[in-house]
């Protein structure tokens, strides 16, 4: 779980502690999405169906 949280986008990790009323909520939703994708085994960077995969 810790690895998944650390692999979330940087704005999420920073935004979760932001003093504004809406940014922590948006960040929490994105963090939940990242965790959900990791549990499903799709990984954080699950590409959209119309995005071609780039070879590394």
C-alpha atoms as a PDB file:
ATOM      1  CA  UNK A   1       0.000   0.000   0.000  1.00  0.00           C
ATOM      2  CA  UNK A   2       2.837   2.395   0.844  1.00  0.00           C
ATOM      3  CA  UNK A   3       4.421   1.871  -2.576  1.00  0.00           C
ATOM      4  CA  UNK A   4       1.117   2.669  -4.237  1.00  0.00           C
ATOM      5  CA  UNK A   5       0.723   5.886  -2.262  1.00  0.00           C
ATOM      6  CA  UNK A   6       4.280   6.915  -3.072  1.00  0.00           C
ATOM      7  CA  UNK A   7       3.717   6.210  -6.768  1.00  0.00           C
ATOM      8  CA  UNK A   8       0.696   8.541  -6.869  1.00  0.00           C
ATOM      9  CA  UNK A   9       1.227  11.831  -8.719  1.00  0.00           C
ATOM     10  CA  UNK A  10       3.174  14.419  -6.725  1.00  0.00           C
ATOM     11  CA  UNK A  11       0.302  16.914  -6.709  1.00  0.00           C
ATOM     12  CA  UNK A  12      -1.809  14.316  -4.890  1.00  0.00           C
ATOM     13  CA  UNK A  13       0.694  13.846  -2.090  1.00  0.00           C
ATOM     14  CA  UNK A  14       1.083  17.603  -1.684  1.00  0.00           C
ATOM     15  CA  UNK A  15      -2.561  18.447  -2.347  1.00  0.00           C
ATOM     16  CA  UNK A  16      -3.868  16.189   0.394  1.00  0.00           C
ATOM     17  CA  UNK A  17      -2.429  18.660   2.942  1.00  0.00           C
ATOM     18  CA  UNK A  18      -3.391  21.874   1.143  1.00  0.00           C
ATOM     19  CA  UNK A  19      -5.235  24.470   3.229  1.00  0.00           C
ATOM     20  CA  UNK A  20      -7.831  25.179   0.525  1.00  0.00           C
ATOM     21  CA  UNK A  21     -11.233  23.523   0.868  1.00  0.00           C
ATOM     22  CA  UNK A  22     -11.377  21.781  -2.528  1.00  0.00           C
ATOM     23  CA  UNK A  23      -7.819  20.632  -3.306  1.00  0.00           C
ATOM     24  CA  UNK A  24      -7.575  18.023  -0.507  1.00  0.00           C
ATOM     25  CA  UNK A  25     -10.864  16.507  -1.676  1.00  0.00           C
ATOM     26  CA  UNK A  26      -9.659  16.309  -5.298  1.00  0.00           C
ATOM     27  CA  UNK A  27      -6.352  14.842  -4.125  1.00  0.00           C
ATOM     28  CA  UNK A  28      -8.106  12.256  -1.953  1.00  0.00           C
ATOM     29  CA  UNK A  29     -10.275  11.174  -4.891  1.00  0.00           C
ATOM     30  CA  UNK A  30      -7.211  10.786  -7.098  1.00  0.00           C
ATOM     31  CA  UNK A  31      -5.383   8.847  -4.386  1.00  0.00           C
ATOM     32  CA  UNK A  32      -8.391   6.542  -4.035  1.00  0.00           C
ATOM     33  CA  UNK A  33      -8.343   6.021  -7.823  1.00  0.00           C
ATOM     34  CA  UNK A  34      -4.645   5.146  -7.751  1.00  0.00           C
ATOM     35  CA  UNK A  35      -5.173   2.657  -4.922  1.00  0.00           C
ATOM     36  CA  UNK A  36      -8.182   1.125  -6.681  1.00  0.00           C
ATOM     37  CA  UNK A  37      -6.212   0.645  -9.907  1.00  0.00           C
ATOM     38  CA  UNK A  38      -3.363  -0.948  -7.963  1.00  0.00           C
ATOM     39  CA  UNK A  39      -5.748  -3.366  -6.254  1.00  0.00           C
ATOM     40  CA  UNK A  40      -7.243  -4.300  -9.617  1.00  0.00           C
ATOM     41  CA  UNK A  41      -3.729  -4.867 -10.933  1.00  0.00           C
ATOM     42  CA  UNK A  42      -3.985  -2.201 -13.599  1.00  0.00           C
ATOM     43  CA  UNK A  43      -1.233  -0.029 -12.146  1.00  0.00           C
ATOM     44  CA  UNK A  44      -1.169   3.718 -11.634  1.00  0.00           C
ATOM     45  CA  UNK A  45      -0.554   4.649 -15.218  1.00  0.00           C
ATOM     46  CA  UNK A  46      -3.332   2.599 -16.765  1.00  0.00           C
ATOM     47  CA  UNK A  47      -3.487   3.911 -20.352  1.00  0.00           C
ATOM     48  CA  UNK A  48      -6.764   4.802 -21.973  1.00  0.00           C
ATOM     49  CA  UNK A  49      -8.022   2.364 -24.607  1.00  0.00           C
ATOM     50  CA  UNK A  50      -7.295   4.851 -27.404  1.00  0.00           C
ATOM     51  CA  UNK A  51      -3.727   5.607 -26.274  1.00  0.00           C
ATOM     52  CA  UNK A  52      -1.016   3.589 -28.002  1.00  0.00           C
ATOM     53  CA  UNK A  53       1.552   2.021 -25.696  1.00  0.00           C
ATOM     54  CA  UNK A  54       5.058   3.401 -26.110  1.00  0.00           C
ATOM     55  CA  UNK A  55       7.923   0.908 -26.040  1.00  0.00           C
ATOM     56  CA  UNK A  56      10.603   1.704 -23.488  1.00  0.00           C
END
